[in-house]
Amino acid sequence: MSSLSIGIVGLPNVGKSTLFNALTKQSVPAENYPFCTIDPSVGIVPVPDERLEKLSALSKSKKTIPAVVEFVDIAGLVKGASEGEGLGNKFLSHIREVDAIIEVVRTFEDADIIHVHEKVDPLFDIEIINMELEAAGIKKPILYVLNVSEVSPSTALRVTDLPGPSVKVDPIFGTGLDRLIVEAYKLLNLITFFTTGEDESRAWTTRHGSKAPEAGKSIHTDFRDKFIRAEVIHCDKLMEVGSYTKAREKGWLRIEGKEYVVQDGDVIEFLI
């Protein structure tokens, strides 16, 4: 499947670029992901998944390739962006190209970092951004990232006051980044399935609810177009038994047809 991306948005000086930089420090070489755009404002970030590491150890794989999420750093939004204020038009054209949105909201006080509205009020910031997105007719899923600081006090904020799911992150110290990546992946309505062998163990991405041929397309279009059947075992069962040979002996490998709905954690071999 082509790469799915998440746009990082927020008012100026809320920590958007700091978050982007913290995420892209963990980025992976793009050559493994031929669909990905190569752009300075795009980071291809691996999704943490200990199941992949375990499968790789089990198969003694030469290579381990994680699933990825593409993060896009989008220009700071200002009030009136939907009417072209600031970099409004550029901002909105970029945001229409992403599949979901991470909205960065600063929650901490710091006299050295000027807030665009001269006060730290996360709910007010969210209201402004969401009004601009609405005015521009943009409705995608949103994950609220509360930018906290381990060294500065944060504004009291109840998670229940937020209009959607949220995570707390300190981009300076890198705390909360793994959880953010996992939540971003969920936000895109994605699941992970695996292929594993001596050459490589790899995590692949497909939409929740995909049938086997559609999931196979992530690897190669032939697996969709020429699909015959798939050999499937859940990664937990494979790791429990310790090898493909033993899984076969126990009859734990299932043969599934084109109507099979792929589950998160399936290890699949496609047959064409």
C-alpha atoms as a PDB file:
ATOM      1  CA  MET A   1       0.000   0.000   0.000  1.00  0.00           C
ATOM      2  CA  SER A   2       1.214   3.501  -0.624  1.00  0.00           C
ATOM      3  CA  SER A   3       2.601   5.293   2.374  1.00  0.00           C
ATOM      4  CA  LEU A   4       0.107   6.868   4.751  1.00  0.00           C
ATOM      5  CA  SER A   5       1.091  10.119   6.369  1.00  0.00           C
ATOM      6  CA  ILE A   6       0.259  12.158   9.436  1.00  0.00           C
ATOM      7  CA  GLY A   7       0.554  15.933   9.398  1.00  0.00           C
ATOM      8  CA  ILE A   8       1.932  17.641  12.511  1.00  0.00           C
ATOM      9  CA  VAL A   9       0.037  20.906  13.013  1.00  0.00           C
ATOM     10  CA  GLY A  10      -0.131  23.595  15.669  1.00  0.00           C
ATOM     11  CA  LEU A  11       0.214  27.293  16.351  1.00  0.00           C
ATOM     12  CA  PRO A  12       3.698  28.838  16.015  1.00  0.00           C
ATOM     13  CA  ASN A  13       6.126  28.128  18.906  1.00  0.00           C
ATOM     14  CA  VAL A  14       4.226  25.192  20.408  1.00  0.00           C
ATOM     15  CA  GLY A  15       6.983  22.610  19.746  1.00  0.00           C
ATOM     16  CA  LYS A  16       5.895  21.204  16.371  1.00  0.00           C
ATOM     17  CA  SER A  17       9.315  21.196  14.766  1.00  0.00           C
ATOM     18  CA  THR A  18      10.977  20.029  17.995  1.00  0.00           C
ATOM     19  CA  LEU A  19       8.581  17.074  17.984  1.00  0.00           C
ATOM     20  CA  PHE A  20       9.213  16.418  14.288  1.00  0.00           C
ATOM     21  CA  ASN A  21      12.976  16.496  14.848  1.00  0.00           C
ATOM     22  CA  ALA A  22      12.696  14.159  17.844  1.00  0.00           C
ATOM     23  CA  LEU A  23      10.650  11.707  15.758  1.00  0.00           C
ATOM     24  CA  THR A  24      12.916  11.836  12.716  1.00  0.00           C
ATOM     25  CA  LYS A  25      16.005  11.103  14.813  1.00  0.00           C
ATOM     26  CA  GLN A  26      14.510   7.619  14.855  1.00  0.00           C
ATOM     27  CA  SER A  27      13.731   7.630  11.130  1.00  0.00           C
ATOM     28  CA  VAL A  28      14.693   4.768   8.841  1.00  0.00           C
ATOM     29  CA  PRO A  29      16.363   4.750   5.412  1.00  0.00           C
ATOM     30  CA  ALA A  30      13.740   5.494   2.775  1.00  0.00           C
ATOM     31  CA  GLU A  31      15.076   3.014   0.208  1.00  0.00           C
ATOM     32  CA  ASN A  32      13.224   0.142   1.924  1.00  0.00           C
ATOM     33  CA  TYR A  33       9.957   2.002   1.347  1.00  0.00           C
ATOM     34  CA  PRO A  34       9.663   2.732  -2.382  1.00  0.00           C
ATOM     35  CA  PHE A  35       6.314   4.561  -2.093  1.00  0.00           C
ATOM     36  CA  CYS A  36       7.586   7.172   0.359  1.00  0.00           C
ATOM     37  CA  THR A  37       8.152  10.741  -0.660  1.00  0.00           C
ATOM     38  CA  ILE A  38      11.603  12.093   0.042  1.00  0.00           C
ATOM     39  CA  ASP A  39      11.264  15.597   1.355  1.00  0.00           C
ATOM     40  CA  PRO A  40      13.062  17.473   4.155  1.00  0.00           C
ATOM     41  CA  SER A  41       9.769  17.931   5.974  1.00  0.00           C
ATOM     42  CA  VAL A  42       8.908  14.207   5.833  1.00  0.00           C
ATOM     43  CA  GLY A  43      10.136  11.651   8.368  1.00  0.00           C
ATOM     44  CA  ILE A  44       9.711   7.911   7.877  1.00  0.00           C
ATOM     45  CA  VAL A  45       9.475   6.623  11.430  1.00  0.00           C
ATOM     46  CA  PRO A  46       9.499   2.950  12.521  1.00  0.00           C
ATOM     47  CA  VAL A  47       6.574   1.646  14.571  1.00  0.00           C
ATOM     48  CA  PRO A  48       7.891   0.044  17.806  1.00  0.00           C
ATOM     49  CA  ASP A  49       6.788  -3.604  17.869  1.00  0.00           C
ATOM     50  CA  GLU A  50       8.495  -6.199  20.063  1.00  0.00           C
ATOM     51  CA  ARG A  51       6.670  -9.001  18.198  1.00  0.00           C
ATOM     52  CA  LEU A  52       8.814  -8.302  15.125  1.00  0.00           C
ATOM     53  CA  GLU A  53      12.033  -8.573  17.141  1.00  0.00           C
ATOM     54  CA  LYS A  54      10.890 -11.923  18.565  1.00  0.00           C
ATOM     55  CA  LEU A  55       9.971 -13.290  15.121  1.00  0.00           C
ATOM     56  CA  SER A  56      13.318 -12.167  13.756  1.00  0.00           C
ATOM     57  CA  ALA A  57      15.138 -13.998  16.556  1.00  0.00           C
ATOM     58  CA  LEU A  58      13.004 -17.105  16.008  1.00  0.00           C
ATOM     59  CA  SER A  59      13.788 -17.180  12.257  1.00  0.00           C
ATOM     60  CA  LYS A  60      17.422 -16.014  12.734  1.00  0.00           C
ATOM     61  CA  SER A  61      16.664 -13.391  10.068  1.00  0.00           C
ATOM     62  CA  LYS A  62      19.487 -11.483   8.395  1.00  0.00           C
ATOM     63  CA  LYS A  63      17.319  -8.347   8.201  1.00  0.00           C
ATOM     64  CA  THR A  64      14.517  -6.918  10.355  1.00  0.00           C
ATOM     65  CA  ILE A  65      12.301  -4.295   8.719  1.00  0.00           C
ATOM     66  CA  PRO A  66       9.639  -2.506  10.799  1.00  0.00           C
ATOM     67  CA  ALA A  67       6.329  -1.035   9.729  1.00  0.00           C
ATOM     68  CA  VAL A  68       6.519   2.740   9.352  1.00  0.00           C
ATOM     69  CA  VAL A  69       4.452   5.891   9.687  1.00  0.00           C
ATOM     70  CA  GLU A  70       5.230   8.967   7.625  1.00  0.00           C
ATOM     71  CA  PHE A  71       5.161  12.231   9.596  1.00  0.00           C
ATOM     72  CA  VAL A  72       4.930  15.568   7.790  1.00  0.00           C
ATOM     73  CA  ASP A  73       5.994  18.834   9.436  1.00  0.00           C
ATOM     74  CA  ILE A  74       3.425  21.416   8.337  1.00  0.00           C
ATOM     75  CA  ALA A  75       3.912  25.199   8.547  1.00  0.00           C
ATOM     76  CA  GLY A  76       2.586  26.842  11.745  1.00  0.00           C
ATOM     77  CA  LEU A  77      -1.058  27.804  11.594  1.00  0.00           C
ATOM     78  CA  VAL A  78      -2.337  31.235  12.559  1.00  0.00           C
ATOM     79  CA  LYS A  79      -5.829  32.578  13.132  1.00  0.00           C
ATOM     80  CA  GLY A  80      -7.393  33.363   9.765  1.00  0.00           C
ATOM     81  CA  ALA A  81      -5.414  30.685   7.877  1.00  0.00           C
ATOM     82  CA  SER A  82      -8.584  29.526   6.130  1.00  0.00           C
ATOM     83  CA  GLU A  83      -8.839  33.060   4.663  1.00  0.00           C
ATOM     84  CA  GLY A  84      -5.196  33.025   3.586  1.00  0.00           C
ATOM     85  CA  GLU A  85      -3.605  34.682   6.655  1.00  0.00           C
ATOM     86  CA  GLY A  86       0.081  33.906   7.245  1.00  0.00           C
ATOM     87  CA  LEU A  87       1.111  30.833   5.283  1.00  0.00           C
ATOM     88  CA  GLY A  88      -2.535  29.795   5.370  1.00  0.00           C
ATOM     89  CA  ASN A  89      -2.974  28.569   1.812  1.00  0.00           C
ATOM     90  CA  LYS A  90       0.275  26.609   1.833  1.00  0.00           C
ATOM     91  CA  PHE A  91      -0.625  25.155   5.220  1.00  0.00           C
ATOM     92  CA  LEU A  92      -4.058  24.057   4.072  1.00  0.00           C
ATOM     93  CA  SER A  93      -2.858  22.537   0.803  1.00  0.00           C
ATOM     94  CA  HIS A  94      -0.301  20.440   2.726  1.00  0.00           C
ATOM     95  CA  ILE A  95      -2.806  19.337   5.305  1.00  0.00           C
ATOM     96  CA  ARG A  96      -5.246  18.139   2.640  1.00  0.00           C
ATOM     97  CA  GLU A  97      -2.589  15.699   1.449  1.00  0.00           C
ATOM     98  CA  VAL A  98      -2.181  13.850   4.762  1.00  0.00           C
ATOM     99  CA  ASP A  99      -4.344  11.016   6.070  1.00  0.00           C
ATOM    100  CA  ALA A 100      -4.581  12.112   9.697  1.00  0.00           C
ATOM    101  CA  ILE A 101      -3.529  14.987  11.937  1.00  0.00           C
ATOM    102  CA  ILE A 102      -1.432  15.326  15.047  1.00  0.00           C
ATOM    103  CA  GLU A 103      -2.283  18.586  16.773  1.00  0.00           C
ATOM    104  CA  VAL A 104       0.542  19.811  19.010  1.00  0.00           C
ATOM    105  CA  VAL A 105      -0.580  21.927  21.945  1.00  0.00           C
ATOM    106  CA  ARG A 106       1.817  23.559  24.363  1.00  0.00           C
ATOM    107  CA  THR A 107       0.829  23.097  27.994  1.00  0.00           C
ATOM    108  CA  PHE A 108       3.890  24.466  29.830  1.00  0.00           C
ATOM    109  CA  GLU A 109       4.876  27.975  30.922  1.00  0.00           C
ATOM    110  CA  ASP A 110       8.271  29.270  29.771  1.00  0.00           C
ATOM    111  CA  ALA A 111       9.132  32.976  29.763  1.00  0.00           C
ATOM    112  CA  ASP A 112      11.785  32.398  27.060  1.00  0.00           C
ATOM    113  CA  ILE A 113       9.330  30.916  24.560  1.00  0.00           C
ATOM    114  CA  ILE A 114       6.786  33.493  23.469  1.00  0.00           C
ATOM    115  CA  HIS A 115       3.285  32.165  22.918  1.00  0.00           C
ATOM    116  CA  VAL A 116       1.591  33.606  19.849  1.00  0.00           C
ATOM    117  CA  HIS A 117      -1.401  34.711  21.999  1.00  0.00           C
ATOM    118  CA  GLU A 118       0.811  35.748  24.941  1.00  0.00           C
ATOM    119  CA  LYS A 119      -0.793  33.169  27.220  1.00  0.00           C
ATOM    120  CA  VAL A 120      -0.681  29.397  27.587  1.00  0.00           C
ATOM    121  CA  ASP A 121      -4.238  28.163  27.151  1.00  0.00           C
ATOM    122  CA  PRO A 122      -4.323  24.743  25.445  1.00  0.00           C
ATOM    123  CA  LEU A 123      -8.102  24.569  25.013  1.00  0.00           C
ATOM    124  CA  PHE A 124      -8.190  28.035  23.417  1.00  0.00           C
ATOM    125  CA  ASP A 125      -5.384  26.965  21.025  1.00  0.00           C
ATOM    126  CA  ILE A 126      -7.286  23.802  20.089  1.00  0.00           C
ATOM    127  CA  GLU A 127     -10.422  25.851  19.448  1.00  0.00           C
ATOM    128  CA  ILE A 128      -8.552  28.177  17.056  1.00  0.00           C
ATOM    129  CA  ILE A 129      -6.902  25.354  15.104  1.00  0.00           C
ATOM    130  CA  ASN A 130     -10.090  23.312  14.845  1.00  0.00           C
ATOM    131  CA  MET A 131     -12.080  26.364  13.727  1.00  0.00           C
ATOM    132  CA  GLU A 132      -9.563  26.958  10.916  1.00  0.00           C
ATOM    133  CA  LEU A 133      -9.627  23.307   9.860  1.00  0.00           C
ATOM    134  CA  GLU A 134     -13.425  23.315   9.891  1.00  0.00           C
ATOM    135  CA  ALA A 135     -13.614  26.569   7.928  1.00  0.00           C
ATOM    136  CA  ALA A 136     -11.377  24.981   5.284  1.00  0.00           C
ATOM    137  CA  GLY A 137     -13.599  21.878   5.190  1.00  0.00           C
ATOM    138  CA  ILE A 138     -10.872  19.584   6.558  1.00  0.00           C
ATOM    139  CA  LYS A 139     -12.205  16.632   8.579  1.00  0.00           C
ATOM    140  CA  LYS A 140      -9.545  13.976   9.217  1.00  0.00           C
ATOM    141  CA  PRO A 141      -8.888  11.974  12.422  1.00  0.00           C
ATOM    142  CA  ILE A 142      -6.966  14.080  15.088  1.00  0.00           C
ATOM    143  CA  LEU A 143      -4.632  12.998  17.878  1.00  0.00           C
ATOM    144  CA  TYR A 144      -3.883  15.754  20.413  1.00  0.00           C
ATOM    145  CA  VAL A 145      -0.262  15.854  21.522  1.00  0.00           C
ATOM    146  CA  LEU A 146       0.154  17.690  24.798  1.00  0.00           C
ATOM    147  CA  ASN A 147       3.651  19.133  24.791  1.00  0.00           C
ATOM    148  CA  VAL A 148       4.769  18.964  28.417  1.00  0.00           C
ATOM    149  CA  SER A 149       8.110  19.887  29.957  1.00  0.00           C
ATOM    150  CA  GLU A 150       9.973  18.017  32.647  1.00  0.00           C
ATOM    151  CA  VAL A 151      11.504  21.298  33.791  1.00  0.00           C
ATOM    152  CA  SER A 152       8.549  23.734  33.587  1.00  0.00           C
ATOM    153  CA  PRO A 153       5.112  23.590  35.215  1.00  0.00           C
ATOM    154  CA  SER A 154       2.180  22.687  32.958  1.00  0.00           C
ATOM    155  CA  THR A 155      -1.285  24.187  32.847  1.00  0.00           C
ATOM    156  CA  ALA A 156      -3.850  22.006  34.594  1.00  0.00           C
ATOM    157  CA  LEU A 157      -5.739  20.179  31.869  1.00  0.00           C
ATOM    158  CA  ARG A 158      -8.146  17.289  32.123  1.00  0.00           C
ATOM    159  CA  VAL A 159      -7.986  14.757  29.316  1.00  0.00           C
ATOM    160  CA  THR A 160     -11.797  14.669  29.354  1.00  0.00           C
ATOM    161  CA  ASP A 161     -11.829  18.353  28.295  1.00  0.00           C
ATOM    162  CA  LEU A 162     -10.130  17.471  24.997  1.00  0.00           C
ATOM    163  CA  PRO A 163     -12.216  16.820  21.872  1.00  0.00           C
ATOM    164  CA  GLY A 164     -10.389  13.575  21.038  1.00  0.00           C
ATOM    165  CA  PRO A 165      -7.652  11.078  21.973  1.00  0.00           C
ATOM    166  CA  SER A 166      -4.418  12.507  23.368  1.00  0.00           C
ATOM    167  CA  VAL A 167      -0.861  11.651  24.406  1.00  0.00           C
ATOM    168  CA  LYS A 168       1.621  13.568  26.561  1.00  0.00           C
ATOM    169  CA  VAL A 169       5.063  14.080  25.051  1.00  0.00           C
ATOM    170  CA  ASP A 170       8.210  15.901  26.079  1.00  0.00           C
ATOM    171  CA  PRO A 171       9.997  16.314  22.685  1.00  0.00           C
ATOM    172  CA  ILE A 172      13.125  17.730  24.363  1.00  0.00           C
ATOM    173  CA  PHE A 173      13.686  14.629  26.508  1.00  0.00           C
ATOM    174  CA  GLY A 174      11.976  12.241  24.087  1.00  0.00           C
ATOM    175  CA  THR A 175       9.505  10.873  26.640  1.00  0.00           C
ATOM    176  CA  GLY A 176       6.226   9.587  25.213  1.00  0.00           C
ATOM    177  CA  LEU A 177       7.471   9.293  21.610  1.00  0.00           C
ATOM    178  CA  ASP A 178       6.985   5.525  21.286  1.00  0.00           C
ATOM    179  CA  ARG A 179       3.435   5.775  22.563  1.00  0.00           C
ATOM    180  CA  LEU A 180       2.789   8.658  20.159  1.00  0.00           C
ATOM    181  CA  ILE A 181       3.989   6.574  17.170  1.00  0.00           C
ATOM    182  CA  VAL A 182       1.806   3.615  18.182  1.00  0.00           C
ATOM    183  CA  GLU A 183      -1.253   5.873  18.718  1.00  0.00           C
ATOM    184  CA  ALA A 184      -0.619   7.600  15.363  1.00  0.00           C
ATOM    185  CA  TYR A 185      -0.581   4.190  13.676  1.00  0.00           C
ATOM    186  CA  LYS A 186      -3.933   3.350  15.292  1.00  0.00           C
ATOM    187  CA  LEU A 187      -5.303   6.733  14.234  1.00  0.00           C
ATOM    188  CA  LEU A 188      -4.705   5.729  10.608  1.00  0.00           C
ATOM    189  CA  ASN A 189      -6.821   2.587  11.234  1.00  0.00           C
ATOM    190  CA  LEU A 190      -3.867   0.327  10.448  1.00  0.00           C
ATOM    191  CA  ILE A 191      -2.918  -3.146  11.582  1.00  0.00           C
ATOM    192  CA  THR A 192       0.356  -5.055  11.258  1.00  0.00           C
ATOM    193  CA  PHE A 193       0.946  -8.463   9.754  1.00  0.00           C
ATOM    194  CA  PHE A 194       4.304 -10.191   9.365  1.00  0.00           C
ATOM    195  CA  THR A 195       6.410 -12.222   7.002  1.00  0.00           C
ATOM    196  CA  THR A 196       9.357 -14.063   8.477  1.00  0.00           C
ATOM    197  CA  GLY A 197      12.215 -16.221   7.242  1.00  0.00           C
ATOM    198  CA  GLU A 198      15.987 -16.503   7.169  1.00  0.00           C
ATOM    199  CA  ASP A 199      16.421 -13.589   4.757  1.00  0.00           C
ATOM    200  CA  GLU A 200      14.220 -11.146   6.619  1.00  0.00           C
ATOM    201  CA  SER A 201      11.448 -10.648   9.106  1.00  0.00           C
ATOM    202  CA  ARG A 202       9.245  -7.743   8.171  1.00  0.00           C
ATOM    203  CA  ALA A 203       6.188  -5.930   9.519  1.00  0.00           C
ATOM    204  CA  TRP A 204       3.676  -4.940   6.838  1.00  0.00           C
ATOM    205  CA  THR A 205       0.826  -2.497   7.048  1.00  0.00           C
ATOM    206  CA  THR A 206      -2.771  -2.867   5.941  1.00  0.00           C
ATOM    207  CA  ARG A 207      -6.090  -1.246   6.780  1.00  0.00           C
ATOM    208  CA  HIS A 208      -8.133  -2.743   9.588  1.00  0.00           C
ATOM    209  CA  GLY A 209     -10.659  -5.154   8.023  1.00  0.00           C
ATOM    210  CA  SER A 210      -8.605  -5.912   4.874  1.00  0.00           C
ATOM    211  CA  LYS A 211      -9.085  -9.285   3.233  1.00  0.00           C
ATOM    212  CA  ALA A 212      -6.023 -11.396   2.421  1.00  0.00           C
ATOM    213  CA  PRO A 213      -5.540 -10.310  -1.256  1.00  0.00           C
ATOM    214  CA  GLU A 214      -5.769  -6.607  -0.279  1.00  0.00           C
ATOM    215  CA  ALA A 215      -3.234  -7.091   2.512  1.00  0.00           C
ATOM    216  CA  GLY A 216      -0.979  -8.999   0.109  1.00  0.00           C
ATOM    217  CA  LYS A 217      -0.886  -5.958  -2.163  1.00  0.00           C
ATOM    218  CA  SER A 218       1.281  -4.262   0.492  1.00  0.00           C
ATOM    219  CA  ILE A 219       4.023  -6.706  -0.467  1.00  0.00           C
ATOM    220  CA  HIS A 220       3.377  -6.958  -4.225  1.00  0.00           C
ATOM    221  CA  THR A 221       0.367  -6.381  -6.504  1.00  0.00           C
ATOM    222  CA  ASP A 222       0.712 -10.017  -7.699  1.00  0.00           C
ATOM    223  CA  PHE A 223      -0.356 -11.182  -4.257  1.00  0.00           C
ATOM    224  CA  ARG A 224      -3.649  -9.398  -4.831  1.00  0.00           C
ATOM    225  CA  ASP A 225      -4.143 -10.055  -8.544  1.00  0.00           C
ATOM    226  CA  LYS A 226      -2.952 -13.694  -8.640  1.00  0.00           C
ATOM    227  CA  PHE A 227      -3.934 -14.663  -5.097  1.00  0.00           C
ATOM    228  CA  ILE A 228      -4.660 -18.391  -4.653  1.00  0.00           C
ATOM    229  CA  ARG A 229      -4.421 -18.882  -0.907  1.00  0.00           C
ATOM    230  CA  ALA A 230      -2.464 -17.847   2.165  1.00  0.00           C
ATOM    231  CA  GLU A 231      -0.815 -19.872   4.907  1.00  0.00           C
ATOM    232  CA  VAL A 232      -1.542 -18.127   8.209  1.00  0.00           C
ATOM    233  CA  ILE A 233      -0.556 -18.448  11.857  1.00  0.00           C
ATOM    234  CA  HIS A 234      -0.816 -15.799  14.556  1.00  0.00           C
ATOM    235  CA  CYS A 235       2.615 -14.622  15.761  1.00  0.00           C
ATOM    236  CA  ASP A 236       1.754 -15.588  19.374  1.00  0.00           C
ATOM    237  CA  LYS A 237       1.070 -19.203  18.320  1.00  0.00           C
ATOM    238  CA  LEU A 238       4.239 -19.366  16.212  1.00  0.00           C
ATOM    239  CA  MET A 239       6.355 -18.044  19.078  1.00  0.00           C
ATOM    240  CA  GLU A 240       4.663 -20.434  21.504  1.00  0.00           C
ATOM    241  CA  VAL A 241       5.595 -23.471  19.395  1.00  0.00           C
ATOM    242  CA  GLY A 242       9.032 -22.097  18.413  1.00  0.00           C
ATOM    243  CA  SER A 243       9.272 -22.949  14.693  1.00  0.00           C
ATOM    244  CA  TYR A 244       7.322 -23.357  11.458  1.00  0.00           C
ATOM    245  CA  THR A 245       8.179 -27.081  11.419  1.00  0.00           C
ATOM    246  CA  LYS A 246       6.613 -27.650  14.831  1.00  0.00           C
ATOM    247  CA  ALA A 247       3.629 -25.456  13.917  1.00  0.00           C
ATOM    248  CA  ARG A 248       3.044 -27.686  10.853  1.00  0.00           C
ATOM    249  CA  GLU A 249       3.342 -30.848  12.943  1.00  0.00           C
ATOM    250  CA  LYS A 250       0.700 -29.502  15.347  1.00  0.00           C
ATOM    251  CA  GLY A 251      -1.561 -28.453  12.464  1.00  0.00           C
ATOM    252  CA  TRP A 252      -1.489 -24.814  13.625  1.00  0.00           C
ATOM    253  CA  LEU A 253      -0.814 -23.395  10.145  1.00  0.00           C
ATOM    254  CA  ARG A 254      -4.130 -22.590   8.501  1.00  0.00           C
ATOM    255  CA  ILE A 255      -4.861 -22.334   4.796  1.00  0.00           C
ATOM    256  CA  GLU A 256      -7.088 -19.296   4.176  1.00  0.00           C
ATOM    257  CA  GLY A 257      -8.835 -18.138   1.003  1.00  0.00           C
ATOM    258  CA  LYS A 258      -9.498 -14.720  -0.509  1.00  0.00           C
ATOM    259  CA  GLU A 259     -12.349 -13.923   1.914  1.00  0.00           C
ATOM    260  CA  TYR A 260     -10.099 -14.193   4.975  1.00  0.00           C
ATOM    261  CA  VAL A 261      -9.939 -10.959   7.001  1.00  0.00           C
ATOM    262  CA  VAL A 262      -6.357 -10.404   8.134  1.00  0.00           C
ATOM    263  CA  GLN A 263      -5.870  -9.982  11.894  1.00  0.00           C
ATOM    264  CA  ASP A 264      -3.294  -7.821  13.634  1.00  0.00           C
ATOM    265  CA  GLY A 265      -0.295 -10.050  14.408  1.00  0.00           C
ATOM    266  CA  ASP A 266      -0.877 -12.661  11.668  1.00  0.00           C
ATOM    267  CA  VAL A 267       2.230 -14.209  10.109  1.00  0.00           C
ATOM    268  CA  ILE A 268       1.359 -14.868   6.471  1.00  0.00           C
ATOM    269  CA  GLU A 269       2.851 -16.644   3.490  1.00  0.00           C
ATOM    270  CA  PHE A 270       1.011 -15.757   0.274  1.00  0.00           C
ATOM    271  CA  LEU A 271       0.759 -18.409  -2.421  1.00  0.00           C
ATOM    272  CA  ILE A 272       0.187 -17.461  -6.070  1.00  0.00           C
END
